[in-house]
Amino acid sequence: MAAATTAVSKDGLDLPLIDFSRYLHGNDEEKLEVAKAMLHGFTHSGFVYIKNYDISNETVAHVFANSAKFFARPEDQKNQLAWTTPQANRGYAAPGREKTSLLTEADKVESMIKESPDLKETFEIGREGVEGLPNNWPEHMDSDGAEFTNAMKGFFLTCKDLHMKVMRSIALGMGIDEYFFDQYTDGGDNNLRLLHYPKQHKSVFKAGKNVVRTGRHTDYGSITLLFQDGKNGGLQVRSPQGTYVDAPPIPGTIVINSGDLLARWSNDTIKSTEHQVVEPPHAEDEGVEEYPPRYSIAYFCNPNFDKFIEAIPGTYAEGKSAEEGGKKYPGINSGEYLVQRLAATFKGVPRY
C-alpha cells in the first residue's frame, strides 16, 4: 500500500494525499516512505493533504460546532473580545479588519483594506500562560462560552502535538536528526485561528477586482494545519503556470502548507506557495444568487518566539555565495519576524 496518492493534479500542480498513520505507527521503512512523500510535497508544491493523523472526526466536528456558535453571537459580544496588537495576536477581528496579501508595507495594505477588505471574520487563540498576553475567552459570558473555551484550549494542544510530529517527518525526510525541530517547536508559540466567511450575494464579488474572501498570500510561519468544513470549498493554490487551482475539502483529511519562515529556514529548498480563498466553485451554478457561508480552522505553526532561525545545515554550501548555493538569508528571531508580518496585515495597528 503506497504512502501517497494524488489529491489534486492540474496545471502542473500536484498535491499528494498522504496516509500519515504510516509515519505515526509504522515501521522504520514505512516512516521513511511517508517522510520522503511529505518532503516531496513541500519542496514541489508547498502543499499536502494528510489522512489518518490521530485526531478524531468527532473532535474536529465539535470544534467546528463551537466556532459556528461563537460567530453567531451578537456583534457587541464579539467586539468585547477584540484583537488588539500583533504582539498579542489574540481575539476577535470583525469583517473589514484584515487584508491578507503579498504586500509587506503597512500603508499599502491599509489602502487595500479600504478598497476591498477580506470578506471574513476571525478569532485568534494563542498559547496560554504568556505573561501580559492573555487569550480573550468568552467563558464568563454564558455556558456556551465556557464550552467554547474548554474545547479550544484542548484543540490547541492537540494541534501542537500534531505540529511537532509533522516537523519530525520533515526532518526525517531531509536526512537530518528526526527530532531536530523539537527544540524549536516544544514551546507552542502557535495560533489557532477560527474563520467564518459569511454568506454573500454574487454581486459582491463583482463589485471590485480584489474582492475575495481571503486575498492572495503566503503564510508567515513554518507550517499551517488547515481544517476545511467539508461542505463549501474556495481554497485555491497557485500552480507553476500561474493559475489558481481548487484544493477542495476531502472528508477525513487536513491540508498542510509550508510557510515563509520554513522556506527561509530551508534556504528555499521548501516552497511557500501563494494561495487564496474565493467563492465556492459550485456557486456558479445557474440560479444560485447567494454564496453560502464557509467555516475553516487554521493552526498556524511557528518556531518558538525566542529562537534564532537560520539556514538548516545541509541546505546550503559552506563558504559559498547565495548564487553559488550558499545561505540566501541572514538569521532572524522568530517572534520579531512574526510581529513584523502581522503589523502589516491588520487595519489600525501600531507600525513597527
Foldseek 3Di string as FASTA:
>chain_A
DAQWDFQDDDPQATAIEGACVCLVPNDPVSVLRRLQVLQVRQLRFQKYKYFPLPDDPVLVVLLQVLLVVVVPDDPVLQCVFDDAALLQQFGKDDFLFWAADADLDQVVRQVVSVVATAQKIKGKDWDDDDPPRHHRFPCVPDPSSVSNVVSVNVVLVVVLVSVQSSQLSNCSSLVHHSNVCVLFRVVSGKMKMKMKRAKFFPVQPVPDPQHFNHGKHFDAAAKKKKFWPQPFFFKWWQRPVRDTHTSGDDPRIIMMGGGDLNCLQLLNSGDGTIMTGGAGPVCVPPPRGMGHMTIMMMMGGHTPQADKGHHDPPSADPPDDSVVGHRPDDIDGGNVSSSSRVSSITPPYDHD
